């Protein structure tokens, strides 16, 4: 009887270890190999625009800006701030996006605020404009990117269509992130985002493929400033 109990305890321990490893892997806590576009013969697309004239194209600048935010690992906190901008050690998913655009020389906040003023009817969920928070709402960023960015596939398996610096929205405006230049073993891109998770640049598609419909990919955009009138663009000012 004692021997049988030992076997049961050992079996439960092994199962627990496998469950823990599975969860750690699912949430990208365990180190894993990242792949590149070259590993899948995918041609990297560079923007024709270098808006801040720093010698780096916009798409790369946007991706690197998101990575800078990820490396700082800001605390997940969606508090309201007068002036709009939270301190750099604070942020949510939308803060990754405006900080990414800042790195390319754009003031996404000012561009969104301007568009809300010009096209209030497009922002149906805004009853009263608030520049302190409007640009930090996924629903408002979706409206902006639907108008001013190129809409692309939401199929994660069309791996060549996913390029560094792209913007991706999940669910019913539940979450937003920036596409990395890193990829998983299937060629799907890592996502740079802030949902309070341990790894801010991670194989997120792996996790959402196992989830329900709440967090599926519902928007994929590429911000190509060469297609826009200069009046849409606002330069970042320190």
Protein backbone atom coordinates (compact mmCIF):
# COMPACT_ATOMS: atom_id res chain seq x y z
CA UNK A 1 0.00 0.00 0.00
CA UNK A 2 2.83 2.35 0.93
CA UNK A 3 4.60 1.57 -2.36
CA UNK A 4 1.40 2.35 -4.30
CA UNK A 5 1.10 5.72 -2.56
CA UNK A 6 4.70 6.54 -3.47
CA UNK A 7 3.97 5.80 -7.13
CA UNK A 8 0.88 8.02 -7.02
CA UNK A 9 2.85 10.88 -5.43
CA UNK A 10 5.63 10.46 -8.00
CA UNK A 11 3.12 10.45 -10.86
CA UNK A 12 1.38 13.56 -9.55
CA UNK A 13 4.76 15.27 -9.18
CA UNK A 14 5.72 14.46 -12.78
CA UNK A 15 2.35 15.73 -14.04
CA UNK A 16 2.76 18.93 -12.02
CA UNK A 17 6.24 19.48 -13.48
CA UNK A 18 4.94 19.06 -17.03
CA UNK A 19 2.04 21.44 -16.36
CA UNK A 20 4.39 24.06 -14.93
CA UNK A 21 6.77 23.73 -17.88
CA UNK A 22 3.84 23.99 -20.30
CA UNK A 23 2.56 27.17 -18.64
CA UNK A 24 6.03 28.74 -18.46
CA UNK A 25 6.57 27.96 -22.14
CA UNK A 26 3.12 29.24 -23.12
CA UNK A 27 3.84 32.57 -21.45
CA UNK A 28 7.37 32.68 -22.88
CA UNK A 29 9.11 32.70 -19.51
CA UNK A 30 11.46 29.92 -20.58
CA UNK A 31 14.20 30.95 -23.03
CA UNK A 32 13.66 29.77 -26.58
CA UNK A 33 15.20 30.22 -29.99
CA UNK A 34 14.05 33.18 -32.05
CA UNK A 35 14.23 33.05 -35.84
CA UNK A 36 14.60 35.78 -38.45
CA UNK A 37 12.95 36.54 -41.78
CA UNK A 38 15.98 35.11 -43.56
CA UNK A 39 15.34 31.72 -41.99
CA UNK A 40 12.10 31.55 -43.99
CA UNK A 41 13.31 33.33 -47.15
CA UNK A 42 11.08 36.28 -46.35
CA UNK A 43 12.09 39.59 -47.86
CA UNK A 44 12.11 42.39 -45.32
CA UNK A 45 10.18 45.47 -46.41
CA UNK A 46 11.66 48.86 -45.61
CA UNK A 47 9.72 52.10 -45.61
CA UNK A 48 10.44 54.67 -48.30
CA UNK A 49 10.24 57.26 -45.54
CA UNK A 50 12.75 58.26 -42.89
CA UNK A 51 10.61 60.88 -41.21
CA UNK A 52 13.11 61.90 -38.54
CA UNK A 53 16.11 61.78 -40.91
CA UNK A 54 18.14 59.52 -38.64
CA UNK A 55 19.25 57.14 -41.37
CA UNK A 56 16.75 54.45 -40.33
CA UNK A 57 13.54 53.81 -42.24
CA UNK A 58 10.19 54.36 -40.50
CA UNK A 59 9.19 50.71 -40.15
CA UNK A 60 12.47 49.81 -38.47
CA UNK A 61 12.34 52.92 -36.29
CA UNK A 62 8.83 52.03 -35.12
CA UNK A 63 9.87 48.48 -34.26
CA UNK A 64 13.01 49.65 -32.44
CA UNK A 65 10.98 52.23 -30.52
CA UNK A 66 8.63 49.51 -29.31
CA UNK A 67 11.62 47.39 -28.31
CA UNK A 68 13.07 50.27 -26.28
CA UNK A 69 9.83 50.40 -24.33
CA UNK A 70 9.86 46.62 -23.86
CA UNK A 71 13.41 46.72 -22.52
CA UNK A 72 12.42 49.33 -19.94
CA UNK A 73 9.62 46.97 -18.86
CA UNK A 74 7.26 49.71 -17.62
CA UNK A 75 4.79 48.78 -14.92
CA UNK A 76 1.35 48.01 -16.34
CA UNK A 77 -0.81 50.91 -15.21
CA UNK A 78 -3.52 52.66 -17.22
CA UNK A 79 -3.89 55.64 -14.90
CA UNK A 80 -5.07 58.96 -16.31
CA UNK A 81 -2.39 61.66 -16.66
CA UNK A 82 -2.83 65.38 -17.21
CA UNK A 83 -1.05 66.16 -20.46
CA UNK A 84 -1.69 62.62 -21.64
CA UNK A 85 1.74 61.07 -21.35
CA UNK A 86 2.52 58.69 -18.48
CA UNK A 87 6.08 58.54 -17.09
CA UNK A 88 8.39 56.18 -18.98
CA UNK A 89 8.26 53.57 -16.21
CA UNK A 90 4.46 53.36 -16.51
CA UNK A 91 2.39 52.16 -19.44
CA UNK A 92 -0.19 49.94 -21.10
CA UNK A 93 -0.44 48.42 -24.58
CA UNK A 94 -1.26 51.72 -26.31
CA UNK A 95 1.76 53.40 -24.74
CA UNK A 96 4.00 50.94 -26.58
CA UNK A 97 2.51 52.24 -29.84
CA UNK A 98 2.90 56.00 -29.37
CA UNK A 99 6.41 55.46 -27.98
CA UNK A 100 7.23 53.38 -31.05
CA UNK A 101 5.99 56.19 -33.30
CA UNK A 102 7.92 58.74 -31.26
CA UNK A 103 11.11 56.83 -32.11
CA UNK A 104 10.33 57.40 -35.80
CA UNK A 105 9.72 61.11 -35.22
CA UNK A 106 5.90 61.13 -35.12
CA UNK A 107 3.59 62.49 -32.45
CA UNK A 108 0.83 59.91 -32.63
CA UNK A 109 -1.08 61.70 -29.90
CA UNK A 110 -1.24 64.94 -31.88
CA UNK A 111 -2.17 63.10 -35.07
CA UNK A 112 -5.01 61.26 -33.35
CA UNK A 113 -6.23 64.42 -31.58
CA UNK A 114 -6.22 66.30 -34.88
CA UNK A 115 -8.16 63.55 -36.62
CA UNK A 116 -10.75 63.43 -33.83
CA UNK A 117 -11.27 67.17 -34.27
CA UNK A 118 -11.57 66.86 -38.07
CA UNK A 119 -13.62 63.64 -38.22
CA UNK A 120 -15.56 63.41 -34.94
CA UNK A 121 -18.24 61.29 -36.62
CA UNK A 122 -15.69 58.53 -37.25
CA UNK A 123 -14.95 58.16 -33.55
CA UNK A 124 -18.41 56.98 -32.61
CA UNK A 125 -17.57 55.99 -29.04
CA UNK A 126 -16.19 59.41 -28.11
CA UNK A 127 -18.91 61.59 -26.61
CA UNK A 128 -16.48 64.31 -25.57
CA UNK A 129 -12.92 64.55 -26.85
CA UNK A 130 -10.22 64.27 -24.18
CA UNK A 131 -6.65 64.74 -25.47
CA UNK A 132 -5.32 63.38 -22.18
CA UNK A 133 -6.57 59.87 -22.87
CA UNK A 134 -8.07 59.48 -26.38
CA UNK A 135 -4.76 58.43 -27.95
CA UNK A 136 -4.37 55.74 -25.28
CA UNK A 137 -7.55 53.92 -26.28
CA UNK A 138 -7.26 50.95 -28.66
CA UNK A 139 -10.67 51.69 -30.15
CA UNK A 140 -9.51 55.16 -31.21
CA UNK A 141 -6.22 53.90 -32.62
CA UNK A 142 -8.14 51.39 -34.72
CA UNK A 143 -10.22 54.19 -36.25
CA UNK A 144 -7.07 56.19 -36.96
CA UNK A 145 -5.16 53.31 -38.54
CA UNK A 146 -8.17 52.18 -40.57
CA UNK A 147 -8.09 55.61 -42.22
CA UNK A 148 -4.38 56.37 -42.46
CA UNK A 149 -2.57 53.03 -42.55
CA UNK A 150 -2.57 50.14 -45.00
CA UNK A 151 -4.84 47.31 -43.81
CA UNK A 152 -3.26 43.87 -44.15
CA UNK A 153 -4.04 40.21 -43.51
CA UNK A 154 -5.11 39.01 -40.09
CA UNK A 155 -4.02 35.45 -40.89
CA UNK A 156 -0.92 34.71 -38.80
CA UNK A 157 0.04 31.89 -41.17
CA UNK A 158 0.62 34.30 -44.07
CA UNK A 159 4.04 34.85 -42.57
CA UNK A 160 5.56 36.95 -45.37
CA UNK A 161 2.82 39.56 -44.89
CA UNK A 162 3.95 40.28 -41.33
CA UNK A 163 6.79 42.78 -41.23
CA UNK A 164 8.68 44.58 -38.44
CA UNK A 165 6.95 47.79 -37.39
CA UNK A 166 3.45 46.66 -38.36
CA UNK A 167 0.62 47.33 -35.91
CA UNK A 168 -1.65 44.52 -34.73
CA UNK A 169 -4.95 44.73 -32.83
CA UNK A 170 -6.56 41.87 -30.92
CA UNK A 171 -10.17 41.12 -30.11
CA UNK A 172 -12.83 43.79 -29.87
CA UNK A 173 -10.21 46.50 -29.31
CA UNK A 174 -8.89 44.56 -26.33
CA UNK A 175 -5.17 44.86 -27.05
CA UNK A 176 -2.60 46.31 -29.45
CA UNK A 177 1.07 45.72 -30.21
CA UNK A 178 3.92 46.18 -32.67
CA UNK A 179 5.36 43.43 -34.85
CA UNK A 180 8.96 42.44 -34.06
CA UNK A 181 11.69 41.30 -36.44
CA UNK A 182 11.95 38.07 -34.45
CA UNK A 183 9.90 35.00 -35.40
CA UNK A 184 8.90 31.65 -33.98
CA UNK A 185 9.74 28.25 -35.44
CA UNK A 186 6.72 28.51 -37.77
CA UNK A 187 7.76 31.90 -39.12
CA UNK A 188 5.08 33.81 -37.24
CA UNK A 189 6.33 37.10 -35.80
CA UNK A 190 6.92 37.93 -32.19
CA UNK A 191 4.81 40.81 -30.86
CA UNK A 192 6.11 43.69 -28.76
CA UNK A 193 3.36 44.63 -26.35
CA UNK A 194 2.47 45.40 -22.76
CA UNK A 195 -0.25 43.39 -21.11
CA UNK A 196 1.68 43.25 -17.85
CA UNK A 197 3.33 39.98 -18.92
CA UNK A 198 6.88 38.86 -18.07
CA UNK A 199 8.25 38.94 -21.64
CA UNK A 200 7.32 42.14 -23.46
CA UNK A 201 8.69 40.94 -26.81
CA UNK A 202 7.37 37.44 -27.24
CA UNK A 203 5.82 34.69 -29.33
CA UNK A 204 2.32 35.96 -28.54
CA UNK A 205 0.61 34.32 -31.53
CA UNK A 206 1.44 30.94 -30.00
CA UNK A 207 -0.66 31.84 -26.99
CA UNK A 208 -3.65 33.41 -28.71
CA UNK A 209 -3.96 30.44 -31.06
CA UNK A 210 -4.85 28.41 -27.97
CA UNK A 211 -7.28 30.98 -26.58
CA UNK A 212 -10.91 31.73 -27.31
CA UNK A 213 -12.13 34.34 -29.77
CA UNK A 214 -11.72 37.21 -27.29
CA UNK A 215 -8.07 37.87 -28.21
CA UNK A 216 -7.89 36.78 -31.84
CA UNK A 217 -6.22 39.02 -34.43
CA UNK A 218 -8.75 41.54 -35.72
CA UNK A 219 -6.55 44.26 -37.19
CA UNK A 220 -3.18 44.44 -38.95
CA UNK A 221 -1.81 47.70 -40.31
CA UNK A 222 1.30 49.26 -41.82
CA UNK A 223 1.84 52.99 -41.43
CA UNK A 224 3.18 54.21 -44.78
CA UNK A 225 3.67 57.97 -44.53
CA UNK A 226 4.52 58.17 -48.24
CA UNK A 227 0.82 57.60 -48.99
CA UNK A 228 -0.38 60.42 -46.74
CA UNK A 229 -0.77 64.15 -47.11
CA UNK A 230 1.71 66.12 -45.03
CA UNK A 231 -1.19 67.70 -43.17
CA UNK A 232 -1.89 64.35 -41.47
CA UNK A 233 1.62 64.03 -40.07
CA UNK A 234 2.77 65.74 -36.89
CA UNK A 235 6.42 65.79 -35.86
CA UNK A 236 7.38 64.83 -32.34
CA UNK A 237 8.51 67.80 -30.29
CA UNK A 238 10.56 67.33 -27.13
